[in-house]
Amino acid sequence: MPIALPASDPLMLASVKTFRRLRDENDYARAEPQRLRVIEAGTQSRIEDLAQGSPLGKHAADELRIMNALYPDKEPVPGQKLKIVE
């Protein structure tokens, strides 16, 4: 007796057929996950400065503020632990 396949199976199979091997260094670099790191804020630590080196993109400053309970416009105080994304 054949097993009935869900209607979404053709869509899933089409998606699977788009997979390919990683080919070069750029592929491997893009496949690396972003990592959280905890740092200690210094006297000159500003969210905008931390956001410039972040892989988070266009809204990095807002995302860093949210992750560190500094949203919408607070800045870290010296000695405060901060989560950043690398």
N, C-alpha and C. Protein backbone atom coordinates (compact mmCIF):
# COMPACT_ATOMS: atom_id res chain seq x y z
N MET A 1 0.85 -1.18 0.00
CA MET A 1 0.00 0.00 0.00
C MET A 1 0.89 1.24 0.00
N PRO A 2 0.78 2.11 -1.00
CA PRO A 2 1.62 3.30 -1.10
C PRO A 2 1.28 4.31 0.01
N ILE A 3 2.31 5.05 0.40
CA ILE A 3 2.14 6.08 1.43
C ILE A 3 1.82 7.40 0.75
N ALA A 4 0.80 8.08 1.23
CA ALA A 4 0.41 9.38 0.67
C ALA A 4 1.43 10.43 1.10
N LEU A 5 1.91 11.23 0.16
CA LEU A 5 2.87 12.29 0.46
C LEU A 5 2.13 13.62 0.64
N PRO A 6 2.59 14.43 1.58
CA PRO A 6 1.96 15.73 1.76
C PRO A 6 2.11 16.60 0.50
N ALA A 7 1.20 17.53 0.33
CA ALA A 7 1.22 18.40 -0.84
C ALA A 7 2.49 19.25 -0.90
N SER A 8 3.13 19.46 0.22
CA SER A 8 4.33 20.31 0.24
C SER A 8 5.60 19.57 -0.17
N ASP A 9 5.55 18.26 -0.35
CA ASP A 9 6.75 17.50 -0.71
C ASP A 9 7.42 17.98 -2.00
N PRO A 10 6.70 18.27 -3.07
CA PRO A 10 7.38 18.77 -4.28
C PRO A 10 8.14 20.07 -4.01
N LEU A 11 7.58 20.94 -3.20
CA LEU A 11 8.25 22.19 -2.87
C LEU A 11 9.52 21.91 -2.06
N MET A 12 9.44 21.00 -1.13
CA MET A 12 10.60 20.65 -0.32
C MET A 12 11.69 20.03 -1.19
N LEU A 13 11.33 19.13 -2.08
CA LEU A 13 12.31 18.51 -2.96
C LEU A 13 12.95 19.53 -3.89
N ALA A 14 12.19 20.49 -4.39
CA ALA A 14 12.75 21.54 -5.24
C ALA A 14 13.76 22.36 -4.46
N SER A 15 13.48 22.62 -3.21
CA SER A 15 14.41 23.37 -2.36
C SER A 15 15.69 22.58 -2.14
N VAL A 16 15.56 21.30 -1.85
CA VAL A 16 16.73 20.45 -1.60
C VAL A 16 17.63 20.39 -2.83
N LYS A 17 17.06 20.41 -4.00
CA LYS A 17 17.86 20.33 -5.23
C LYS A 17 18.69 21.58 -5.49
N THR A 18 18.46 22.65 -4.73
CA THR A 18 19.27 23.86 -4.89
C THR A 18 20.55 23.81 -4.06
N PHE A 19 20.70 22.84 -3.18
CA PHE A 19 21.90 22.74 -2.35
C PHE A 19 23.10 22.39 -3.22
N ARG A 20 24.28 22.90 -2.81
CA ARG A 20 25.51 22.56 -3.52
C ARG A 20 26.66 22.56 -2.52
N ARG A 21 27.77 22.00 -2.92
CA ARG A 21 28.96 21.98 -2.08
C ARG A 21 29.53 23.39 -1.97
N LEU A 22 30.20 23.66 -0.83
CA LEU A 22 30.95 24.90 -0.70
C LEU A 22 32.15 24.80 -1.62
N ARG A 23 32.44 25.88 -2.37
CA ARG A 23 33.47 25.79 -3.40
C ARG A 23 34.77 26.48 -3.05
N ASP A 24 34.71 27.64 -2.44
CA ASP A 24 35.94 28.38 -2.22
C ASP A 24 35.94 29.05 -0.85
N GLU A 25 36.97 29.84 -0.59
CA GLU A 25 37.12 30.49 0.71
C GLU A 25 35.95 31.41 1.02
N ASN A 26 35.41 32.09 0.02
CA ASN A 26 34.28 32.98 0.25
C ASN A 26 33.05 32.22 0.72
N ASP A 27 32.82 31.05 0.14
CA ASP A 27 31.69 30.23 0.57
C ASP A 27 31.86 29.82 2.03
N TYR A 28 33.07 29.40 2.38
CA TYR A 28 33.31 28.97 3.76
C TYR A 28 33.15 30.15 4.72
N ALA A 29 33.63 31.32 4.33
CA ALA A 29 33.51 32.50 5.20
C ALA A 29 32.04 32.87 5.42
N ARG A 30 31.22 32.79 4.37
CA ARG A 30 29.80 33.11 4.51
C ARG A 30 29.06 32.08 5.35
N ALA A 31 29.57 30.86 5.40
CA ALA A 31 28.91 29.80 6.16
C ALA A 31 29.23 29.87 7.65
N GLU A 32 30.24 30.65 8.03
CA GLU A 32 30.60 30.77 9.44
C GLU A 32 29.51 31.51 10.20
N PRO A 33 29.16 31.03 11.38
CA PRO A 33 28.12 31.71 12.17
C PRO A 33 28.66 32.98 12.82
N GLN A 34 27.75 33.87 13.11
CA GLN A 34 28.13 35.03 13.91
C GLN A 34 28.22 34.58 15.35
N ARG A 35 29.13 35.19 16.10
CA ARG A 35 29.34 34.78 17.48
C ARG A 35 29.17 35.96 18.42
N LEU A 36 28.59 35.68 19.58
CA LEU A 36 28.48 36.68 20.63
C LEU A 36 29.75 36.67 21.46
N ARG A 37 30.19 37.85 21.84
CA ARG A 37 31.33 37.97 22.74
C ARG A 37 30.97 39.01 23.79
N VAL A 38 31.40 38.79 25.00
CA VAL A 38 31.14 39.73 26.09
C VAL A 38 32.42 40.51 26.35
N ILE A 39 32.28 41.83 26.34
CA ILE A 39 33.43 42.70 26.62
C ILE A 39 33.06 43.62 27.77
N GLU A 40 34.05 44.29 28.29
CA GLU A 40 33.80 45.26 29.35
C GLU A 40 33.94 46.65 28.75
N ALA A 41 32.93 47.50 28.98
CA ALA A 41 32.95 48.85 28.45
C ALA A 41 34.03 49.67 29.13
N GLY A 42 34.74 50.44 28.32
CA GLY A 42 35.73 51.37 28.84
C GLY A 42 35.15 52.77 28.92
N THR A 43 35.97 53.72 29.25
CA THR A 43 35.49 55.10 29.38
C THR A 43 35.11 55.69 28.03
N GLN A 44 35.67 55.17 26.94
CA GLN A 44 35.38 55.70 25.60
C GLN A 44 34.42 54.80 24.80
N SER A 45 33.85 53.78 25.41
CA SER A 45 32.97 52.85 24.69
C SER A 45 31.66 53.53 24.30
N ARG A 46 31.37 53.52 23.00
CA ARG A 46 30.13 54.08 22.46
C ARG A 46 29.49 53.01 21.57
N ILE A 47 28.20 52.91 21.63
CA ILE A 47 27.48 51.91 20.83
C ILE A 47 27.73 52.12 19.34
N GLU A 48 27.70 53.35 18.88
CA GLU A 48 27.93 53.62 17.45
C GLU A 48 29.30 53.11 17.00
N ASP A 49 30.31 53.27 17.84
CA ASP A 49 31.64 52.78 17.49
C ASP A 49 31.68 51.26 17.42
N LEU A 50 31.03 50.59 18.37
CA LEU A 50 30.98 49.13 18.37
C LEU A 50 30.19 48.62 17.16
N ALA A 51 29.17 49.34 16.76
CA ALA A 51 28.32 48.93 15.64
C ALA A 51 29.08 48.98 14.32
N GLN A 52 30.03 49.88 14.19
CA GLN A 52 30.75 50.01 12.92
C GLN A 52 31.56 48.77 12.58
N GLY A 53 32.06 48.06 13.56
CA GLY A 53 32.82 46.84 13.29
C GLY A 53 31.98 45.59 13.33
N SER A 54 30.67 45.74 13.45
CA SER A 54 29.78 44.59 13.62
C SER A 54 29.27 44.05 12.28
N PRO A 55 29.07 42.74 12.17
CA PRO A 55 28.49 42.15 10.97
C PRO A 55 26.96 42.27 10.92
N LEU A 56 26.36 42.97 11.89
CA LEU A 56 24.91 43.04 11.97
C LEU A 56 24.28 43.88 10.86
N GLY A 57 25.04 44.73 10.23
CA GLY A 57 24.51 45.48 9.10
C GLY A 57 23.93 46.83 9.46
N LYS A 58 22.94 47.24 8.68
CA LYS A 58 22.39 48.59 8.71
C LYS A 58 21.92 49.06 10.08
N HIS A 59 21.30 48.21 10.85
CA HIS A 59 20.72 48.60 12.14
C HIS A 59 21.52 48.03 13.32
N ALA A 60 22.83 47.89 13.13
CA ALA A 60 23.68 47.27 14.15
C ALA A 60 23.61 48.00 15.49
N ALA A 61 23.61 49.33 15.47
CA ALA A 61 23.59 50.08 16.73
C ALA A 61 22.31 49.79 17.51
N ASP A 62 21.18 49.78 16.82
CA ASP A 62 19.91 49.48 17.50
C ASP A 62 19.91 48.06 18.06
N GLU A 63 20.41 47.11 17.28
CA GLU A 63 20.44 45.73 17.74
C GLU A 63 21.36 45.56 18.95
N LEU A 64 22.50 46.22 18.93
CA LEU A 64 23.41 46.15 20.08
C LEU A 64 22.76 46.78 21.31
N ARG A 65 22.07 47.88 21.12
CA ARG A 65 21.38 48.51 22.26
C ARG A 65 20.31 47.58 22.83
N ILE A 66 19.56 46.94 21.97
CA ILE A 66 18.51 46.01 22.43
C ILE A 66 19.14 44.85 23.19
N MET A 67 20.21 44.26 22.65
CA MET A 67 20.86 43.12 23.30
C MET A 67 21.42 43.48 24.66
N ASN A 68 21.75 44.76 24.86
CA ASN A 68 22.40 45.18 26.09
C ASN A 68 21.50 46.04 26.97
N ALA A 69 20.19 46.01 26.72
CA ALA A 69 19.20 46.76 27.50
C ALA A 69 19.55 48.25 27.55
N LEU A 70 19.98 48.79 26.41
CA LEU A 70 20.33 50.21 26.31
C LEU A 70 19.43 50.95 25.32
N TYR A 71 18.42 50.27 24.81
CA TYR A 71 17.54 50.87 23.81
C TYR A 71 16.61 51.87 24.47
N PRO A 72 16.32 53.00 23.90
CA PRO A 72 16.60 53.41 22.53
C PRO A 72 17.86 54.25 22.35
N ASP A 73 18.35 54.90 23.40
CA ASP A 73 19.46 55.82 23.15
C ASP A 73 20.49 55.88 24.28
N LYS A 74 20.52 54.88 25.15
CA LYS A 74 21.48 54.89 26.26
C LYS A 74 22.85 54.46 25.77
N GLU A 75 23.87 54.83 26.53
CA GLU A 75 25.25 54.42 26.26
C GLU A 75 25.75 53.60 27.45
N PRO A 76 26.71 52.73 27.23
CA PRO A 76 27.24 51.92 28.34
C PRO A 76 28.06 52.78 29.31
N VAL A 77 28.09 52.32 30.55
CA VAL A 77 28.93 52.98 31.56
C VAL A 77 30.22 52.17 31.70
N PRO A 78 31.32 52.84 32.06
CA PRO A 78 32.59 52.11 32.21
C PRO A 78 32.44 50.93 33.18
N GLY A 79 32.98 49.79 32.77
CA GLY A 79 32.91 48.58 33.58
C GLY A 79 31.71 47.70 33.29
N GLN A 80 30.74 48.21 32.57
CA GLN A 80 29.54 47.44 32.22
C GLN A 80 29.90 46.34 31.22
N LYS A 81 29.35 45.15 31.42
CA LYS A 81 29.53 44.05 30.48
C LYS A 81 28.63 44.29 29.28
N LEU A 82 29.18 44.14 28.08
CA LEU A 82 28.45 44.35 26.85
C LEU A 82 28.53 43.12 25.96
N LYS A 83 27.43 42.78 25.32
CA LYS A 83 27.42 41.71 24.32
C LYS A 83 27.64 42.37 22.96
N ILE A 84 28.59 41.84 22.21
CA ILE A 84 28.81 42.30 20.85
C ILE A 84 28.76 41.09 19.93
N VAL A 85 28.61 41.34 18.63
CA VAL A 85 28.54 40.26 17.64
C VAL A 85 29.77 40.35 16.75
N GLU A 86 30.42 39.21 16.57
CA GLU A 86 31.59 39.13 15.69
C GLU A 86 31.33 38.16 14.56
